[in-house]
Structure formats: C-alpha cells, structure tokens
C-alpha cells in the first residue's frame, strides 16, 4: 500500500472518521496512520494529531469536554491547578471511558486524578466540541477550587474580556448560595491571577491595600499596602530580558525617592509560601510606621 498523505487538521484538534474520509483518506489509510502513530484514535469516531495536548485527549476519550480549570487554561483564564484534567459530561451520558484507555469503562478503573464535573451547564451550546464556554468554566471553578483561586480566575476573565460584567450574574446564579460572597470581591483591575491571590492575602492579614495605583513618575503599581509599601507580583514571563530588569530597578529607585518601600514577590512564593510573603509585608509595614514613612 502506498504511503498515505498527511491529514491537515488546520485549526481543529479533534476530527471524526467522516472528516478523514471526506478529505480523501480511505479506511485502510486511516488504519495505517493510527498503527504508525501518525494519527491518534481517541475514542470511537474521534481522532487527533499525535501532539494534541493530554487534557483535550483525556476529556474527549472519557466522552466529555474540557471543564473547570482545564477549560480556563484553554480559554486564557487564570487557573492555578492544571496538572489533572477536569472535564464535563452530561448527566445521562453513556459509554464513558477511562481517560487513559478507551477500552475501559470510566467507573471500572481508578480515575488517576481526572475530575469529572456533572453539574448542569449555563449554556450547553457555548464553547467548542471539546471545551465548555467561559461562563460554565468559571461556574465550575468557583465550586471546585479554593476561593482565592476562583476569585483570581474571575478577575482575570473580566480583565481579559473572556466574559463581560453582564454575564457575572449568570455565573453566580448557577452556583450554590454559599459561594456567592465572592461576587462582591471581584476586581477586574487585576492584571494577573497572582495579583488577586496576593491582594486576598494582604486583606485577610488585616492590612489596607489598593491595586493598580498610579504613582507619579512610575506609573501603576500592583499593590499599595497601608499607603506606604509597594508590593509588585513578579513572574518569569514579564522579566525575561535585562531591559525589563532595568525598568523595574528604575521604578524602585523613583519610588524610594518618593518615600515608598518596595517589595517584589515571586509567583512561586505567593502560591506556595504565602505565610512568608505576608510576614515580609508586615515587617515592612512596621518599618514604615516606626519610621513614620509616608504613614
């Protein structure tokens, strides 16, 4: 048999057998591509390119769509925990399969960290064939993740225009009442999810703070705590070049000339060592108060 030509997935990640046949491939050629690992058979009538991301493959193999934090990551919304696949299936779904093997039933083997969401969707037609829409992803995330991570997702979704303010009511109408206190804490000014988490840490520690505060000669700073401590949430993505480091050091110098104390905290510290971050901020607040700096 002659070597079959490669199938062009284009912008799609999952295609059906019908798509492959309509593109000119024969049944024998499809089998050849699967057996030679040039095409991945995800589940019956669903195929993917070999380099398709694991979360999408697992969601489709089970018989659902990316949901919660997995959908948030897909949609460009902040999601802290993305190691495991979160997926949505409808209540009356049948033929559900294990995420690791299409030959095993979902409930016949351990799920190995895969999280299945069954809650009814706000709008089943939103999203794509393999991912729920942004409103449903956020609704699921609110019920699944710790409150500060859910709030970070809501902040970034609004900030990045993934959802509109008018859609927030739909989201909170679809979650139990115990989660609705998050509604009043949303602040779409936050530039990144770690800024929201940092804001919550500072407020829960009992300090006054505001975000995205404009300061003359500097521009906006991430957080201003007790009117005197500037806290910036740094990440690798925005500090790769020497020019970016020069810009930040210049900002720090100008802030010092105006009487502010500056603390730069890393993403990993905010997420994995929050107590140490709060302790450092508290120490600087004490320095400001004892020295009467801008206080």
C-alpha atoms as a PDB file:
ATOM      1  CA  UNK A   1       0.000   0.000   0.000  1.00  0.00           C
ATOM      2  CA  UNK A   2       1.318   3.434  -0.881  1.00  0.00           C
ATOM      3  CA  UNK A   3       2.100   5.775   1.993  1.00  0.00           C
ATOM      4  CA  UNK A   4      -1.000   7.917   2.720  1.00  0.00           C
ATOM      5  CA  UNK A   5      -0.642  11.656   2.655  1.00  0.00           C
ATOM      6  CA  UNK A   6      -0.807  13.539   5.938  1.00  0.00           C
ATOM      7  CA  UNK A   7      -4.164  14.893   7.038  1.00  0.00           C
ATOM      8  CA  UNK A   8      -4.294  18.649   7.616  1.00  0.00           C
ATOM      9  CA  UNK A   9      -6.066  19.305  10.918  1.00  0.00           C
ATOM     10  CA  UNK A  10      -5.964  23.069  10.359  1.00  0.00           C
ATOM     11  CA  UNK A  11      -7.286  24.796  13.478  1.00  0.00           C
ATOM     12  CA  UNK A  12      -9.102  21.641  14.635  1.00  0.00           C
ATOM     13  CA  UNK A  13      -7.733  19.249  17.234  1.00  0.00           C
ATOM     14  CA  UNK A  14     -10.347  16.526  17.116  1.00  0.00           C
ATOM     15  CA  UNK A  15     -11.825  15.205  13.863  1.00  0.00           C
ATOM     16  CA  UNK A  16     -14.259  12.457  13.022  1.00  0.00           C
ATOM     17  CA  UNK A  17     -13.810   9.485  10.736  1.00  0.00           C
ATOM     18  CA  UNK A  18     -16.210  11.218   8.357  1.00  0.00           C
ATOM     19  CA  UNK A  19     -13.875  14.235   8.233  1.00  0.00           C
ATOM     20  CA  UNK A  20     -10.978  11.979   7.298  1.00  0.00           C
ATOM     21  CA  UNK A  21     -12.951  10.164   4.612  1.00  0.00           C
ATOM     22  CA  UNK A  22     -14.228  13.445   3.174  1.00  0.00           C
ATOM     23  CA  UNK A  23     -10.605  14.637   2.986  1.00  0.00           C
ATOM     24  CA  UNK A  24      -9.818  11.738   0.680  1.00  0.00           C
ATOM     25  CA  UNK A  25      -8.382   9.147   3.046  1.00  0.00           C
ATOM     26  CA  UNK A  26      -9.561   5.553   2.775  1.00  0.00           C
ATOM     27  CA  UNK A  27     -10.404   3.288   5.693  1.00  0.00           C
ATOM     28  CA  UNK A  28      -7.173   1.368   5.121  1.00  0.00           C
ATOM     29  CA  UNK A  29      -5.151   4.566   5.127  1.00  0.00           C
ATOM     30  CA  UNK A  30      -6.754   5.705   8.396  1.00  0.00           C
ATOM     31  CA  UNK A  31      -5.857   2.359   9.972  1.00  0.00           C
ATOM     32  CA  UNK A  32      -2.294   2.678   8.646  1.00  0.00           C
ATOM     33  CA  UNK A  33      -1.906   6.173  10.117  1.00  0.00           C
ATOM     34  CA  UNK A  34      -3.196   5.014  13.509  1.00  0.00           C
ATOM     35  CA  UNK A  35      -0.940   1.955  13.597  1.00  0.00           C
ATOM     36  CA  UNK A  36       2.090   4.012  12.568  1.00  0.00           C
ATOM     37  CA  UNK A  37       1.369   6.573  15.354  1.00  0.00           C
ATOM     38  CA  UNK A  38       0.773   9.391  12.875  1.00  0.00           C
ATOM     39  CA  UNK A  39      -2.873   9.642  13.922  1.00  0.00           C
ATOM     40  CA  UNK A  40      -4.315   9.083  17.382  1.00  0.00           C
ATOM     41  CA  UNK A  41      -7.628   7.289  17.758  1.00  0.00           C
ATOM     42  CA  UNK A  42      -9.005   8.936  20.890  1.00  0.00           C
ATOM     43  CA  UNK A  43     -12.300   7.078  21.053  1.00  0.00           C
ATOM     44  CA  UNK A  44     -14.756   5.685  18.545  1.00  0.00           C
ATOM     45  CA  UNK A  45     -15.114   8.099  15.608  1.00  0.00           C
ATOM     46  CA  UNK A  46     -12.755  10.663  17.212  1.00  0.00           C
ATOM     47  CA  UNK A  47      -9.187  11.196  16.021  1.00  0.00           C
ATOM     48  CA  UNK A  48      -6.428  13.638  16.938  1.00  0.00           C
ATOM     49  CA  UNK A  49      -2.933  14.582  15.868  1.00  0.00           C
ATOM     50  CA  UNK A  50      -0.236  12.786  17.940  1.00  0.00           C
ATOM     51  CA  UNK A  51       0.898  16.061  19.533  1.00  0.00           C
ATOM     52  CA  UNK A  52      -2.575  17.051  20.779  1.00  0.00           C
ATOM     53  CA  UNK A  53      -2.400  18.152  24.425  1.00  0.00           C
ATOM     54  CA  UNK A  54      -3.100  15.477  27.034  1.00  0.00           C
ATOM     55  CA  UNK A  55      -6.037  17.290  28.664  1.00  0.00           C
ATOM     56  CA  UNK A  56      -8.005  17.541  25.423  1.00  0.00           C
ATOM     57  CA  UNK A  57      -7.316  13.897  24.585  1.00  0.00           C
ATOM     58  CA  UNK A  58      -8.397  12.712  28.033  1.00  0.00           C
ATOM     59  CA  UNK A  59     -11.582  14.799  28.029  1.00  0.00           C
ATOM     60  CA  UNK A  60     -12.666  13.515  24.625  1.00  0.00           C
ATOM     61  CA  UNK A  61     -11.644   9.927  25.428  1.00  0.00           C
ATOM     62  CA  UNK A  62     -13.882   9.918  28.507  1.00  0.00           C
ATOM     63  CA  UNK A  63     -16.746  11.285  26.430  1.00  0.00           C
ATOM     64  CA  UNK A  64     -16.886  14.889  27.615  1.00  0.00           C
ATOM     65  CA  UNK A  65     -15.380  18.333  27.170  1.00  0.00           C
ATOM     66  CA  UNK A  66     -12.675  20.297  28.959  1.00  0.00           C
ATOM     67  CA  UNK A  67     -14.157  21.972  32.029  1.00  0.00           C
ATOM     68  CA  UNK A  68     -13.271  23.976  35.137  1.00  0.00           C
ATOM     69  CA  UNK A  69      -9.505  24.700  35.410  1.00  0.00           C
ATOM     70  CA  UNK A  70      -8.728  22.748  32.217  1.00  0.00           C
ATOM     71  CA  UNK A  71     -11.204  24.853  30.254  1.00  0.00           C
ATOM     72  CA  UNK A  72      -9.946  28.025  31.954  1.00  0.00           C
ATOM     73  CA  UNK A  73      -6.405  27.301  30.810  1.00  0.00           C
ATOM     74  CA  UNK A  74      -7.696  26.622  27.293  1.00  0.00           C
ATOM     75  CA  UNK A  75      -9.598  29.928  27.296  1.00  0.00           C
ATOM     76  CA  UNK A  76      -6.743  32.063  28.642  1.00  0.00           C
ATOM     77  CA  UNK A  77      -8.216  32.441  32.125  1.00  0.00           C
ATOM     78  CA  UNK A  78      -6.064  32.095  35.242  1.00  0.00           C
ATOM     79  CA  UNK A  79      -6.019  28.554  36.645  1.00  0.00           C
ATOM     80  CA  UNK A  80      -3.622  27.519  39.381  1.00  0.00           C
ATOM     81  CA  UNK A  81      -4.103  23.743  39.412  1.00  0.00           C
ATOM     82  CA  UNK A  82      -3.800  22.315  35.889  1.00  0.00           C
ATOM     83  CA  UNK A  83      -1.942  19.025  36.408  1.00  0.00           C
ATOM     84  CA  UNK A  84      -5.093  16.933  36.195  1.00  0.00           C
ATOM     85  CA  UNK A  85      -7.765  17.014  33.541  1.00  0.00           C
ATOM     86  CA  UNK A  86     -11.140  18.442  34.567  1.00  0.00           C
ATOM     87  CA  UNK A  87     -13.965  17.599  32.201  1.00  0.00           C
ATOM     88  CA  UNK A  88     -17.720  17.921  31.942  1.00  0.00           C
ATOM     89  CA  UNK A  89     -20.145  15.184  30.968  1.00  0.00           C
ATOM     90  CA  UNK A  90     -23.923  15.386  30.789  1.00  0.00           C
ATOM     91  CA  UNK A  91     -25.921  13.552  33.446  1.00  0.00           C
ATOM     92  CA  UNK A  92     -27.341  10.893  31.102  1.00  0.00           C
ATOM     93  CA  UNK A  93     -24.107  10.290  29.196  1.00  0.00           C
ATOM     94  CA  UNK A  94     -23.363   6.685  28.294  1.00  0.00           C
ATOM     95  CA  UNK A  95     -20.304   4.815  27.024  1.00  0.00           C
ATOM     96  CA  UNK A  96     -17.989   6.852  29.248  1.00  0.00           C
ATOM     97  CA  UNK A  97     -14.436   5.576  29.085  1.00  0.00           C
ATOM     98  CA  UNK A  98     -11.311   5.791  31.225  1.00  0.00           C
ATOM     99  CA  UNK A  99      -9.143   8.816  30.452  1.00  0.00           C
ATOM    100  CA  UNK A 100      -6.080   6.618  29.930  1.00  0.00           C
ATOM    101  CA  UNK A 101      -7.665   3.848  27.887  1.00  0.00           C
ATOM    102  CA  UNK A 102     -10.651   3.845  25.552  1.00  0.00           C
ATOM    103  CA  UNK A 103     -11.168   0.133  26.196  1.00  0.00           C
ATOM    104  CA  UNK A 104     -12.009   0.543  29.919  1.00  0.00           C
ATOM    105  CA  UNK A 105     -15.229   1.970  31.326  1.00  0.00           C
ATOM    106  CA  UNK A 106     -14.892   5.147  33.399  1.00  0.00           C
ATOM    107  CA  UNK A 107     -16.152   3.589  36.622  1.00  0.00           C
ATOM    108  CA  UNK A 108     -14.246   0.330  36.198  1.00  0.00           C
ATOM    109  CA  UNK A 109     -10.773   1.724  36.945  1.00  0.00           C
ATOM    110  CA  UNK A 110      -9.233   4.478  39.137  1.00  0.00           C
ATOM    111  CA  UNK A 111      -9.548   7.931  37.591  1.00  0.00           C
ATOM    112  CA  UNK A 112      -5.904   8.838  38.338  1.00  0.00           C
ATOM    113  CA  UNK A 113      -6.682  12.429  39.272  1.00  0.00           C
ATOM    114  CA  UNK A 114      -9.120  13.120  36.429  1.00  0.00           C
ATOM    115  CA  UNK A 115     -12.005  15.205  37.804  1.00  0.00           C
ATOM    116  CA  UNK A 116     -15.435  14.739  36.244  1.00  0.00           C
ATOM    117  CA  UNK A 117     -17.996  17.556  36.582  1.00  0.00           C
ATOM    118  CA  UNK A 118     -21.675  16.656  36.189  1.00  0.00           C
ATOM    119  CA  UNK A 119     -23.338  19.962  37.112  1.00  0.00           C
ATOM    120  CA  UNK A 120     -25.804  21.298  34.527  1.00  0.00           C
ATOM    121  CA  UNK A 121     -24.340  23.931  32.217  1.00  0.00           C
ATOM    122  CA  UNK A 122     -25.474  27.540  31.970  1.00  0.00           C
ATOM    123  CA  UNK A 123     -25.412  27.270  28.189  1.00  0.00           C
ATOM    124  CA  UNK A 124     -24.583  23.854  26.680  1.00  0.00           C
ATOM    125  CA  UNK A 125     -24.045  25.385  23.245  1.00  0.00           C
ATOM    126  CA  UNK A 126     -21.246  27.693  24.425  1.00  0.00           C
ATOM    127  CA  UNK A 127     -17.643  26.761  23.814  1.00  0.00           C
ATOM    128  CA  UNK A 128     -16.473  24.181  21.305  1.00  0.00           C
ATOM    129  CA  UNK A 129     -16.892  20.473  20.706  1.00  0.00           C
ATOM    130  CA  UNK A 130     -14.086  19.766  23.178  1.00  0.00           C
ATOM    131  CA  UNK A 131     -14.321  22.684  25.662  1.00  0.00           C
ATOM    132  CA  UNK A 132     -17.155  24.306  27.633  1.00  0.00           C
ATOM    133  CA  UNK A 133     -17.705  28.066  27.430  1.00  0.00           C
ATOM    134  CA  UNK A 134     -16.135  30.656  29.729  1.00  0.00           C
ATOM    135  CA  UNK A 135     -19.228  31.173  31.908  1.00  0.00           C
ATOM    136  CA  UNK A 136     -19.518  27.469  32.620  1.00  0.00           C
ATOM    137  CA  UNK A 137     -15.785  27.081  33.219  1.00  0.00           C
ATOM    138  CA  UNK A 138     -15.954  29.836  35.846  1.00  0.00           C
ATOM    139  CA  UNK A 139     -19.108  28.428  37.434  1.00  0.00           C
ATOM    140  CA  UNK A 140     -17.392  25.046  37.790  1.00  0.00           C
ATOM    141  CA  UNK A 141     -14.171  26.593  39.054  1.00  0.00           C
ATOM    142  CA  UNK A 142     -15.995  28.530  41.795  1.00  0.00           C
ATOM    143  CA  UNK A 143     -17.399  25.259  43.150  1.00  0.00           C
ATOM    144  CA  UNK A 144     -14.230  23.223  42.706  1.00  0.00           C
ATOM    145  CA  UNK A 145     -11.256  25.414  43.676  1.00  0.00           C
ATOM    146  CA  UNK A 146     -10.278  27.382  46.825  1.00  0.00           C
ATOM    147  CA  UNK A 147     -11.951  30.793  46.981  1.00  0.00           C
ATOM    148  CA  UNK A 148      -8.837  32.905  46.286  1.00  0.00           C
ATOM    149  CA  UNK A 149      -8.051  30.894  43.136  1.00  0.00           C
ATOM    150  CA  UNK A 150     -11.657  31.145  41.958  1.00  0.00           C
ATOM    151  CA  UNK A 151     -11.570  34.896  42.557  1.00  0.00           C
ATOM    152  CA  UNK A 152      -8.322  35.140  40.575  1.00  0.00           C
ATOM    153  CA  UNK A 153      -9.998  33.386  37.672  1.00  0.00           C
ATOM    154  CA  UNK A 154     -12.989  35.751  37.805  1.00  0.00           C
ATOM    155  CA  UNK A 155     -10.748  38.833  37.959  1.00  0.00           C
ATOM    156  CA  UNK A 156      -8.615  37.771  35.002  1.00  0.00           C
ATOM    157  CA  UNK A 157     -11.600  36.628  32.938  1.00  0.00           C
ATOM    158  CA  UNK A 158     -13.122  40.107  33.242  1.00  0.00           C
ATOM    159  CA  UNK A 159      -9.801  41.894  32.799  1.00  0.00           C
ATOM    160  CA  UNK A 160      -9.010  39.955  29.613  1.00  0.00           C
ATOM    161  CA  UNK A 161     -12.539  40.225  28.230  1.00  0.00           C
ATOM    162  CA  UNK A 162     -13.231  36.484  28.351  1.00  0.00           C
ATOM    163  CA  UNK A 163     -16.562  37.330  29.990  1.00  0.00           C
ATOM    164  CA  UNK A 164     -18.469  40.585  30.349  1.00  0.00           C
ATOM    165  CA  UNK A 165     -19.708  42.176  33.563  1.00  0.00           C
ATOM    166  CA  UNK A 166     -23.289  41.460  32.483  1.00  0.00           C
ATOM    167  CA  UNK A 167     -22.517  37.717  32.471  1.00  0.00           C
ATOM    168  CA  UNK A 168     -21.311  37.577  36.061  1.00  0.00           C
ATOM    169  CA  UNK A 169     -24.893  37.365  37.340  1.00  0.00           C
ATOM    170  CA  UNK A 170     -25.486  34.289  35.148  1.00  0.00           C
ATOM    171  CA  UNK A 171     -22.413  32.649  36.651  1.00  0.00           C
ATOM    172  CA  UNK A 172     -23.383  33.254  40.276  1.00  0.00           C
ATOM    173  CA  UNK A 173     -26.994  32.295  39.643  1.00  0.00           C
ATOM    174  CA  UNK A 174     -25.657  28.864  38.667  1.00  0.00           C
ATOM    175  CA  UNK A 175     -23.712  28.160  41.888  1.00  0.00           C
ATOM    176  CA  UNK A 176     -24.932  27.378  45.436  1.00  0.00           C
ATOM    177  CA  UNK A 177     -25.567  30.374  47.688  1.00  0.00           C
ATOM    178  CA  UNK A 178     -22.528  29.640  49.895  1.00  0.00           C
ATOM    179  CA  UNK A 179     -20.203  30.701  47.063  1.00  0.00           C
ATOM    180  CA  UNK A 180     -21.934  33.977  46.219  1.00  0.00           C
ATOM    181  CA  UNK A 181     -19.906  36.103  48.640  1.00  0.00           C
ATOM    182  CA  UNK A 182     -17.139  36.045  46.016  1.00  0.00           C
ATOM    183  CA  UNK A 183     -19.329  38.260  43.818  1.00  0.00           C
ATOM    184  CA  UNK A 184     -18.584  41.395  45.839  1.00  0.00           C
ATOM    185  CA  UNK A 185     -14.834  40.730  45.913  1.00  0.00           C
ATOM    186  CA  UNK A 186     -14.243  40.741  42.151  1.00  0.00           C
ATOM    187  CA  UNK A 187     -11.900  43.459  40.884  1.00  0.00           C
ATOM    188  CA  UNK A 188     -11.254  43.429  37.145  1.00  0.00           C
ATOM    189  CA  UNK A 189      -8.347  45.874  37.511  1.00  0.00           C
ATOM    190  CA  UNK A 190      -6.039  42.993  38.461  1.00  0.00           C
ATOM    191  CA  UNK A 191      -3.526  42.343  35.684  1.00  0.00           C
ATOM    192  CA  UNK A 192      -2.824  38.724  36.631  1.00  0.00           C
ATOM    193  CA  UNK A 193      -4.130  35.917  38.804  1.00  0.00           C
ATOM    194  CA  UNK A 194      -1.227  36.095  41.249  1.00  0.00           C
ATOM    195  CA  UNK A 195      -2.082  39.741  41.932  1.00  0.00           C
ATOM    196  CA  UNK A 196      -5.572  38.711  43.036  1.00  0.00           C
ATOM    197  CA  UNK A 197      -4.199  35.995  45.315  1.00  0.00           C
ATOM    198  CA  UNK A 198      -1.713  38.493  46.759  1.00  0.00           C
ATOM    199  CA  UNK A 199      -4.489  41.039  47.342  1.00  0.00           C
ATOM    200  CA  UNK A 200      -6.550  38.475  49.232  1.00  0.00           C
ATOM    201  CA  UNK A 201      -3.555  37.508  51.393  1.00  0.00           C
ATOM    202  CA  UNK A 202      -2.948  41.140  52.337  1.00  0.00           C
ATOM    203  CA  UNK A 203      -6.594  41.886  53.109  1.00  0.00           C
ATOM    204  CA  UNK A 204      -7.018  38.700  55.149  1.00  0.00           C
ATOM    205  CA  UNK A 205      -3.938  39.719  57.157  1.00  0.00           C
ATOM    206  CA  UNK A 206      -5.825  42.861  58.158  1.00  0.00           C
ATOM    207  CA  UNK A 207      -3.965  45.467  56.088  1.00  0.00           C
ATOM    208  CA  UNK A 208      -5.421  48.211  53.913  1.00  0.00           C
ATOM    209  CA  UNK A 209      -4.452  47.892  50.271  1.00  0.00           C
ATOM    210  CA  UNK A 210      -5.401  49.071  46.832  1.00  0.00           C
ATOM    211  CA  UNK A 211      -4.395  47.708  43.450  1.00  0.00           C
ATOM    212  CA  UNK A 212      -3.118  49.242  40.224  1.00  0.00           C
ATOM    213  CA  UNK A 213      -2.383  52.522  41.999  1.00  0.00           C
ATOM    214  CA  UNK A 214      -0.947  55.315  39.789  1.00  0.00           C
ATOM    215  CA  UNK A 215       2.169  56.965  41.220  1.00  0.00           C
ATOM    216  CA  UNK A 216       3.805  59.971  39.570  1.00  0.00           C
ATOM    217  CA  UNK A 217       6.944  59.198  37.564  1.00  0.00           C
ATOM    218  CA  UNK A 218       6.382  55.460  37.937  1.00  0.00           C
ATOM    219  CA  UNK A 219       3.003  54.535  36.535  1.00  0.00           C
ATOM    220  CA  UNK A 220       0.767  51.927  38.109  1.00  0.00           C
ATOM    221  CA  UNK A 221       1.975  49.617  40.869  1.00  0.00           C
ATOM    222  CA  UNK A 222       0.412  46.243  41.595  1.00  0.00           C
ATOM    223  CA  UNK A 223      -0.466  46.829  45.264  1.00  0.00           C
ATOM    224  CA  UNK A 224      -0.081  49.704  47.692  1.00  0.00           C
ATOM    225  CA  UNK A 225      -0.307  48.437  51.281  1.00  0.00           C
ATOM    226  CA  UNK A 226      -1.136  50.822  54.138  1.00  0.00           C
ATOM    227  CA  UNK A 227      -0.270  53.738  51.862  1.00  0.00           C
ATOM    228  CA  UNK A 228       3.475  53.141  52.132  1.00  0.00           C
ATOM    229  CA  UNK A 229       4.562  49.651  50.970  1.00  0.00           C
ATOM    230  CA  UNK A 230       4.508  48.989  47.242  1.00  0.00           C
ATOM    231  CA  UNK A 231       4.256  45.260  46.507  1.00  0.00           C
ATOM    232  CA  UNK A 232       4.876  44.031  42.977  1.00  0.00           C
ATOM    233  CA  UNK A 233       3.995  40.485  41.899  1.00  0.00           C
ATOM    234  CA  UNK A 234       6.782  39.353  39.590  1.00  0.00           C
ATOM    235  CA  UNK A 235       6.733  36.391  37.206  1.00  0.00           C
ATOM    236  CA  UNK A 236       9.231  34.925  34.760  1.00  0.00           C
ATOM    237  CA  UNK A 237       7.015  35.743  31.781  1.00  0.00           C
ATOM    238  CA  UNK A 238       7.436  39.501  32.338  1.00  0.00           C
ATOM    239  CA  UNK A 239      11.062  39.521  33.479  1.00  0.00           C
ATOM    240  CA  UNK A 240      12.958  37.594  30.829  1.00  0.00           C
ATOM    241  CA  UNK A 241      15.107  40.418  29.458  1.00  0.00           C
ATOM    242  CA  UNK A 242      17.712  42.690  31.014  1.00  0.00           C
ATOM    243  CA  UNK A 243      15.744  45.699  29.732  1.00  0.00           C
ATOM    244  CA  UNK A 244      12.776  44.630  31.861  1.00  0.00           C
ATOM    245  CA  UNK A 245      15.015  44.360  34.919  1.00  0.00           C
ATOM    246  CA  UNK A 246      16.412  47.847  34.216  1.00  0.00           C
ATOM    247  CA  UNK A 247      12.882  49.219  34.007  1.00  0.00           C
ATOM    248  CA  UNK A 248      11.919  47.632  37.328  1.00  0.00           C
ATOM    249  CA  UNK A 249      15.041  48.832  39.170  1.00  0.00           C
ATOM    250  CA  UNK A 250      14.444  52.333  37.868  1.00  0.00           C
ATOM    251  CA  UNK A 251      10.861  52.207  39.145  1.00  0.00           C
ATOM    252  CA  UNK A 252      12.116  51.028  42.550  1.00  0.00           C
ATOM    253  CA  UNK A 253      14.588  53.924  42.746  1.00  0.00           C
ATOM    254  CA  UNK A 254      11.946  56.511  41.873  1.00  0.00           C
ATOM    255  CA  UNK A 255       9.576  55.003  44.440  1.00  0.00           C
ATOM    256  CA  UNK A 256      12.319  55.167  47.106  1.00  0.00           C
ATOM    257  CA  UNK A 257      12.946  58.831  46.240  1.00  0.00           C
ATOM    258  CA  UNK A 258       9.255  59.463  46.932  1.00  0.00           C
ATOM    259  CA  UNK A 259       9.393  57.684  50.296  1.00  0.00           C
ATOM    260  CA  UNK A 260       7.864  54.333  49.384  1.00  0.00           C
ATOM    261  CA  UNK A 261       9.236  50.960  50.460  1.00  0.00           C
ATOM    262  CA  UNK A 262       9.162  48.356  47.678  1.00  0.00           C
ATOM    263  CA  UNK A 263       8.879  44.594  47.887  1.00  0.00           C
ATOM    264  CA  UNK A 264       8.956  42.321  44.856  1.00  0.00           C
ATOM    265  CA  UNK A 265       7.487  38.860  45.419  1.00  0.00           C
ATOM    266  CA  UNK A 266       7.689  35.901  43.075  1.00  0.00           C
ATOM    267  CA  UNK A 267       4.785  33.873  41.724  1.00  0.00           C
ATOM    268  CA  UNK A 268       6.028  30.702  43.421  1.00  0.00           C
ATOM    269  CA  UNK A 269       6.222  32.434  46.804  1.00  0.00           C
ATOM    270  CA  UNK A 270       2.697  33.845  46.509  1.00  0.00           C
ATOM    271  CA  UNK A 271       1.308  30.431  45.589  1.00  0.00           C
ATOM    272  CA  UNK A 272       3.452  28.087  47.678  1.00  0.00           C
ATOM    273  CA  UNK A 273       4.741  30.136  50.632  1.00  0.00           C
ATOM    274  CA  UNK A 274       2.029  32.746  51.299  1.00  0.00           C
ATOM    275  CA  UNK A 275       2.797  32.972  55.039  1.00  0.00           C
ATOM    276  CA  UNK A 276       6.344  34.122  54.300  1.00  0.00           C
ATOM    277  CA  UNK A 277       5.034  36.751  51.871  1.00  0.00           C
ATOM    278  CA  UNK A 278       2.591  38.134  54.435  1.00  0.00           C
ATOM    279  CA  UNK A 279       5.325  38.121  57.093  1.00  0.00           C
ATOM    280  CA  UNK A 280       7.627  40.158  54.842  1.00  0.00           C
ATOM    281  CA  UNK A 281       4.888  42.682  54.062  1.00  0.00           C
ATOM    282  CA  UNK A 282       4.015  43.003  57.769  1.00  0.00           C
ATOM    283  CA  UNK A 283       7.680  43.671  58.634  1.00  0.00           C
ATOM    284  CA  UNK A 284       7.902  46.452  56.046  1.00  0.00           C
ATOM    285  CA  UNK A 285       4.634  47.986  57.279  1.00  0.00           C
ATOM    286  CA  UNK A 286       6.126  48.082  60.792  1.00  0.00           C
ATOM    287  CA  UNK A 287       9.266  49.777  59.429  1.00  0.00           C
ATOM    288  CA  UNK A 288       7.101  52.393  57.736  1.00  0.00           C
ATOM    289  CA  UNK A 289       5.055  53.050  60.864  1.00  0.00           C
ATOM    290  CA  UNK A 290       8.057  53.198  63.210  1.00  0.00           C
ATOM    291  CA  UNK A 291       9.963  55.440  60.826  1.00  0.00           C
ATOM    292  CA  UNK A 292       6.869  57.487  60.006  1.00  0.00           C
ATOM    293  CA  UNK A 293       7.489  56.817  56.296  1.00  0.00           C
ATOM    294  CA  UNK A 294       4.530  58.083  54.274  1.00  0.00           C
ATOM    295  CA  UNK A 295       2.264  56.889  57.073  1.00  0.00           C
END
